[in-house]
Protein backbone atom coordinates (compact mmCIF):
# COMPACT_ATOMS: atom_id res chain seq x y z
CA MET A 1 140.96 164.37 159.53
CA THR A 2 137.72 162.31 157.02
CA LYS A 3 139.71 161.40 153.78
CA ARG A 4 137.70 162.65 150.60
CA ALA A 5 137.99 160.81 147.17
CA LEU A 6 136.34 161.53 144.14
CA ILE A 7 134.92 158.88 141.96
CA THR A 8 134.28 159.82 138.34
CA GLY A 9 131.52 156.91 137.06
CA ILE A 10 129.94 156.73 140.47
CA THR A 11 126.50 156.20 138.28
CA GLY A 12 128.19 152.80 136.90
CA GLN A 13 128.40 149.34 138.02
CA ASP A 14 131.34 150.25 139.84
CA GLY A 15 131.23 153.57 141.03
CA SER A 16 128.17 152.95 143.02
CA TYR A 17 129.98 150.11 144.82
CA LEU A 18 132.73 152.31 145.35
CA ALA A 19 131.14 154.68 146.81
CA GLU A 20 129.43 152.77 149.15
CA LEU A 21 132.90 150.74 150.71
CA LEU A 22 134.44 154.05 150.87
CA LEU A 23 131.77 155.75 153.27
CA GLU A 24 131.65 152.44 154.89
CA LYS A 25 135.37 153.47 155.40
CA GLY A 26 134.02 156.83 157.04
CA TYR A 27 134.89 158.68 153.58
CA GLU A 28 133.68 162.22 151.99
CA VAL A 29 132.82 161.26 149.06
CA HIS A 30 132.54 163.37 145.89
CA GLY A 31 131.39 161.42 142.50
CA LEU A 32 131.17 163.11 138.93
CA VAL A 33 128.05 162.73 136.57
CA ARG A 34 127.49 163.16 133.46
CA ARG A 35 124.80 165.52 132.76
CA SER A 36 121.39 163.45 130.98
CA SER A 37 117.59 164.26 129.53
CA SER A 38 116.90 161.40 131.03
CA PHE A 39 117.30 159.91 134.92
CA ASN A 40 120.71 158.15 134.67
CA ARG A 41 121.59 157.64 138.51
CA GLY A 42 119.61 154.17 139.51
CA ARG A 43 122.56 152.78 141.03
CA ILE A 44 123.89 155.65 142.79
CA ASP A 45 120.78 156.86 144.36
CA PRO A 46 119.79 154.84 146.93
CA ILE A 47 123.23 155.67 148.44
CA TYR A 48 123.02 159.55 147.52
CA LEU A 49 119.17 159.60 149.26
CA ASP A 50 119.93 157.43 152.63
CA PRO A 51 119.85 159.87 155.60
CA ALA A 52 123.36 158.55 156.92
CA ASN A 53 124.88 159.99 153.82
CA GLN A 54 123.28 163.72 153.70
CA GLY A 55 126.33 165.41 153.92
CA ARG A 56 129.01 163.11 153.13
CA LEU A 57 128.16 162.19 149.34
CA THR A 58 128.12 165.26 146.98
CA LEU A 59 127.69 164.90 143.31
CA HIS A 60 128.67 167.03 140.44
CA TYR A 61 127.92 167.52 137.01
CA GLY A 62 131.12 166.80 134.84
CA ASP A 63 132.58 164.97 131.76
CA MET A 64 135.13 163.66 130.88
CA THR A 65 135.86 165.44 127.55
CA ASP A 66 135.33 168.48 129.07
CA SER A 67 138.76 169.77 130.71
CA THR A 68 136.95 172.56 132.36
CA SER A 69 134.79 170.40 134.56
CA LEU A 70 137.14 168.43 135.65
CA ILE A 71 139.29 171.48 137.02
CA ASN A 72 136.16 172.53 138.62
CA VAL A 73 135.46 169.37 140.09
CA VAL A 74 138.90 168.60 141.60
CA ARG A 75 139.03 172.40 142.97
CA GLU A 76 135.75 171.52 144.59
CA SER A 77 136.09 168.31 145.99
CA ARG A 78 140.09 168.77 147.02
CA PRO A 79 140.13 165.07 147.25
CA ASP A 80 143.38 162.32 148.56
CA GLU A 81 141.93 159.55 146.64
CA VAL A 82 141.04 160.05 142.78
CA TYR A 83 139.44 156.91 141.30
CA ASN A 84 138.99 157.42 137.66
CA LEU A 85 136.45 154.94 136.34
CA ALA A 86 134.07 157.04 133.85
CA ALA A 87 134.38 155.68 130.39
CA GLN A 88 132.09 154.52 127.16
CA SER A 89 133.19 151.10 128.00
CA HIS A 90 131.13 148.84 125.87
CA VAL A 91 133.59 147.17 123.40
CA ALA A 92 131.11 146.40 120.60
CA VAL A 93 130.16 150.11 120.75
CA SER A 94 133.49 151.23 120.54
CA PHE A 95 133.68 149.92 116.85
CA GLU A 96 130.83 152.29 116.15
CA MET A 97 131.95 155.23 118.28
CA PRO A 98 135.43 154.79 117.47
CA GLU A 99 136.38 158.37 118.52
CA TYR A 100 134.40 159.90 121.42
CA THR A 101 135.37 155.91 122.89
CA ALA A 102 139.12 157.59 122.54
CA SER A 103 138.37 161.04 123.78
CA ALA A 104 136.16 160.06 126.96
CA ASP A 105 138.52 156.87 128.04
CA ALA A 106 142.18 157.90 126.70
CA MET A 107 141.81 161.63 126.57
CA GLY A 108 139.69 161.83 129.56
CA ALA A 109 142.08 160.16 131.72
CA ILE A 110 144.91 162.23 130.44
CA ARG A 111 142.42 165.77 131.20
CA LEU A 112 141.52 164.43 134.88
CA LEU A 113 145.86 163.80 134.81
CA GLU A 114 146.77 166.65 134.23
CA ALA A 115 143.61 168.55 135.90
CA LEU A 116 145.33 166.70 139.39
CA ARG A 117 148.89 167.61 138.29
CA GLN A 118 148.01 171.40 138.23
CA ASN A 119 145.59 171.86 141.32
CA ALA A 120 146.24 168.49 143.45
CA PRO A 121 149.34 167.07 142.65
CA GLU A 122 148.92 165.32 146.20
CA ALA A 123 145.84 163.43 145.54
CA ARG A 124 146.17 159.37 144.73
CA PHE A 125 145.03 158.62 141.66
CA TYR A 126 143.35 155.38 140.35
CA GLN A 127 143.38 154.39 136.56
CA ALA A 128 140.13 151.83 135.42
CA SER A 129 142.36 149.91 132.85
CA THR A 130 140.82 146.08 131.68
CA SER A 131 141.73 143.04 130.65
CA GLU A 132 140.75 143.83 126.92
CA MET A 133 144.66 145.72 126.51
CA PHE A 134 145.77 142.32 126.53
CA GLY A 135 143.29 141.09 123.20
CA LEU A 136 145.19 138.50 121.61
CA THR A 137 147.85 138.06 123.62
CA PRO A 138 147.86 133.94 124.58
CA PRO A 139 146.83 133.41 128.96
CA PRO A 140 147.14 133.43 131.45
CA GLN A 141 147.88 137.41 131.67
CA HIS A 142 149.47 139.16 134.40
CA GLU A 143 150.86 142.75 134.89
CA ASP A 144 154.19 142.41 132.87
CA THR A 145 152.43 140.50 129.59
CA HIS A 146 152.07 142.09 126.16
CA PHE A 147 149.43 143.92 125.29
CA HIS A 148 147.93 143.26 122.15
CA PRO A 149 144.24 145.43 122.20
CA ARG A 150 141.26 143.91 119.41
CA SER A 151 138.76 147.12 119.75
CA PRO A 152 139.22 150.52 119.88
CA TYR A 153 138.03 150.22 123.55
CA GLY A 154 141.06 148.74 124.12
CA ALA A 155 143.12 151.06 122.21
CA ALA A 156 141.99 153.49 124.09
CA LYS A 157 142.06 152.03 127.85
CA LEU A 158 146.07 150.71 126.64
CA HIS A 159 146.46 154.97 126.39
CA ALA A 160 145.20 155.78 129.28
CA HIS A 161 146.80 153.42 130.96
CA TRP A 162 150.49 154.31 130.03
CA ALA A 163 149.74 157.78 130.42
CA THR A 164 149.23 156.86 134.33
CA ILE A 165 152.45 155.21 134.21
CA ASN A 166 153.75 158.27 132.66
CA TYR A 167 152.94 161.07 134.75
CA ARG A 168 153.59 158.28 137.64
CA GLU A 169 157.37 158.66 135.99
CA ALA A 170 157.57 161.99 135.22
CA TYR A 171 155.82 163.81 137.78
CA ASP A 172 156.66 161.19 140.80
CA LEU A 173 152.04 161.62 140.57
CA TYR A 174 151.10 158.98 143.51
CA ALA A 175 148.98 156.91 140.20
CA VAL A 176 148.13 153.61 139.62
CA SER A 177 146.22 151.27 136.99
CA GLY A 178 144.05 148.21 138.04
CA ILE A 179 143.92 145.66 135.06
CA LEU A 180 140.41 144.85 136.03
CA PHE A 181 139.56 141.24 134.41
CA ASN A 182 135.85 141.04 133.34
CA HIS A 183 134.10 141.97 136.70
CA GLU A 184 129.89 141.76 137.28
CA SER A 185 127.24 142.05 139.34
CA PRO A 186 123.23 142.75 139.58
CA ARG A 187 124.33 146.59 138.57
CA ARG A 188 126.12 145.16 135.51
CA GLY A 189 124.66 147.17 132.67
CA GLU A 190 121.71 145.23 131.05
CA SER A 191 123.65 145.78 127.47
CA PHE A 192 126.71 143.40 128.71
CA VAL A 193 126.80 139.94 127.84
CA THR A 194 126.25 138.14 131.52
CA ARG A 195 123.20 140.59 132.61
CA LYS A 196 121.52 140.22 129.09
CA ILE A 197 121.79 136.36 130.12
CA THR A 198 120.48 136.65 133.16
CA ARG A 199 117.82 139.20 132.51
CA ALA A 200 116.31 136.74 130.24
CA VAL A 201 116.12 133.71 132.17
CA ALA A 202 114.43 135.99 134.61
CA ALA A 203 111.75 137.08 131.60
CA ILE A 204 111.71 133.33 130.76
CA THR A 205 110.73 132.07 133.56
CA ALA A 206 108.13 134.95 134.50
CA GLY A 207 106.35 133.75 130.96
CA ARG A 208 106.94 137.26 129.23
CA ALA A 209 110.07 135.78 126.52
CA THR A 210 111.08 132.53 125.55
CA SER A 211 114.51 133.37 124.03
CA VAL A 212 117.93 134.85 124.36
CA THR A 213 119.94 136.07 121.06
CA LEU A 214 123.66 135.82 121.50
CA GLY A 215 127.09 136.19 119.91
CA ASN A 216 129.96 134.19 120.25
CA LEU A 217 129.40 131.73 122.39
CA ASP A 218 132.89 130.14 122.50
CA ALA A 219 134.53 133.36 123.66
CA VAL A 220 136.61 133.16 127.06
CA ARG A 221 136.11 135.40 129.80
CA ASP A 222 137.61 135.64 133.74
CA TRP A 223 134.12 136.70 135.17
CA GLY A 224 134.39 138.00 139.14
CA TYR A 225 132.35 139.89 141.66
CA ALA A 226 132.42 143.46 141.34
CA LYS A 227 131.46 144.09 144.57
CA GLU A 228 135.09 142.26 145.38
CA TYR A 229 136.60 144.14 142.97
CA VAL A 230 136.30 147.29 144.03
CA GLU A 231 137.95 146.39 147.40
CA GLY A 232 140.97 145.96 145.34
CA MET A 233 141.06 149.19 143.82
CA TRP A 234 140.94 151.00 147.22
CA ARG A 235 144.11 148.63 148.44
CA MET A 236 146.24 150.52 145.52
CA LEU A 237 145.61 153.17 146.23
CA GLN A 238 146.57 152.55 150.00
CA GLN A 239 150.41 151.08 149.16
CA ASP A 240 153.06 152.83 150.22
CA VAL A 241 154.70 152.58 146.68
CA PRO A 242 152.34 153.07 143.33
CA GLY A 243 152.35 150.32 141.33
CA ASP A 244 149.85 148.34 138.92
CA TYR A 245 147.86 145.46 139.56
CA VAL A 246 145.62 142.79 137.97
CA LEU A 247 142.56 141.78 139.66
CA ALA A 248 140.78 138.66 138.64
CA THR A 249 139.96 135.17 139.41
CA GLY A 250 142.08 132.99 137.20
CA VAL A 251 138.88 130.78 136.07
CA GLY A 252 138.31 130.86 132.11
CA THR A 253 134.55 130.38 131.61
CA THR A 254 132.89 130.51 128.11
CA VAL A 255 129.84 132.69 127.44
CA ARG A 256 127.81 129.00 126.31
CA ASP A 257 129.22 128.10 129.83
CA PHE A 258 127.90 130.90 131.66
CA ALA A 259 124.45 130.43 129.70
CA GLU A 260 124.26 126.68 131.33
CA MET A 261 125.11 128.32 134.69
CA ALA A 262 122.09 130.52 134.80
CA PHE A 263 119.60 128.89 132.81
CA SER A 264 120.57 125.57 135.19
CA HIS A 265 120.12 127.78 138.34
CA VAL A 266 116.33 128.34 138.03
CA GLY A 267 116.33 124.38 136.69
CA LEU A 268 116.24 125.04 132.78
CA ASP A 269 118.23 123.97 130.10
CA TRP A 270 120.19 127.04 128.04
CA ARG A 271 119.81 125.31 124.56
CA GLU A 272 116.36 125.32 124.11
CA HIS A 273 116.40 128.97 124.91
CA VAL A 274 119.22 130.83 123.27
CA GLU A 275 119.84 131.65 119.82
CA THR A 276 123.02 132.77 118.20
CA ASP A 277 123.33 135.67 115.88
CA ALA A 278 126.86 136.99 113.67
CA ARG A 279 125.32 140.33 113.93
CA PHE A 280 126.20 140.17 117.96
CA GLU A 281 130.12 139.26 117.07
CA ARG A 282 132.74 141.86 116.93
CA PRO A 283 135.16 142.82 113.79
CA SER A 284 137.71 141.51 115.51
CA GLU A 285 137.18 138.99 118.70
CA VAL A 286 139.10 138.75 121.84
CA PRO A 287 139.83 134.89 122.52
CA GLU A 288 140.37 134.28 125.84
CA LEU A 289 141.21 136.55 129.28
CA LEU A 290 142.20 134.94 131.72
CA GLY A 291 144.30 136.51 135.14
CA ASP A 292 146.62 135.96 137.12
CA ALA A 293 146.60 138.11 140.42
CA SER A 294 149.08 136.12 142.28
CA ARG A 295 150.58 140.34 143.11
CA ALA A 296 148.02 141.15 144.10
CA ALA A 297 147.65 138.73 146.69
CA ALA A 298 150.96 138.19 148.03
CA GLU A 299 150.76 142.51 148.19
CA LEU A 300 147.46 143.52 148.44
CA GLY A 301 146.18 140.74 150.52
CA TRP A 302 143.38 140.82 147.69
CA LYS A 303 141.63 137.89 146.40
CA ALA A 304 138.36 136.65 144.45
CA THR A 305 136.22 134.41 146.25
CA THR A 306 132.95 134.62 144.63
CA THR A 307 132.90 131.68 142.40
CA VAL A 308 131.39 132.44 138.38
CA ARG A 309 128.93 129.59 138.87
CA GLN A 310 127.78 131.70 142.44
CA LEU A 311 127.16 134.92 140.70
CA ALA A 312 125.39 133.98 138.37
CA GLY A 313 122.53 132.42 140.76
CA LEU A 314 123.27 135.94 142.19
CA MET A 315 122.38 137.91 139.09
CA VAL A 316 119.19 135.51 138.00
CA ASP A 317 117.47 135.83 141.65
CA THR A 318 118.51 139.77 141.94
CA ASP A 319 117.05 140.09 138.08
CA ILE A 320 113.60 137.57 138.92
CA ALA A 321 112.82 139.51 141.87
CA LEU A 322 113.22 142.67 139.82
CA LEU A 323 110.72 141.33 137.47
CA GLN A 324 108.26 140.79 140.47
CA GLY A 325 108.62 144.01 141.07
């Protein structure tokens, strides 16, 4: 029988890659889309409009802050697997909108878990946790590392992470969390630092800009390729016993080094084009996130293969092509 999957946040970077993966695997895919007066489906529309996916990909309007819409989409889609990727996912914005971030990211996960408990208790549930939950804890960080979030986003995601564990233990739901370290792609949102850098490289190459302004250049992140990470999400829901896993490359890179990689890809010196401004720094910074994904390698057979330099080059090439039309 054809498996049915429900993806919240299907219009995002991870959601669009995951939809592609599941459709390739023969799934019937349902996606939750937040209603907006402006078009926000650029990542998913090419997949949705592909004739090969007609009747296999269905989009539903709903919102993580609205229990009724979540109950309705669960009842309508009757999912075998649910991937909760929807979130207010920008760390800096979470300091400006802490209450909304908590409602969408923390309570949203609980609303969805409760909708499943009451209407589809046999469905397998994936919660998109984040390395930001580790915050100030020294690296390397793995599944048993102490959490110390440093932002409303990290705190909200930690709430959802523990709620997922609680529903697994209290109600015997197949509910797991993927603790994913930073994962980027040409589909990354334009306000995230990696995409901000690669878009700037493209604009400077085209003569449309001369510089880009960044915040903390010393922050270390573990950057991987999002398209590979959604494979790890899927593998987590195929295990006999539910469990939580870290997905990461195990390689740390500073924002400064990522900028160097992106600019050098087109023969430019980053130092001639990067400016800094303290206004782009966060009230409480996370100095270093570096993941240990050895459990995922041993139990899921998953390992990141794209290097950060390859990723930077891929993103720059794509942004240059986008500018050229």
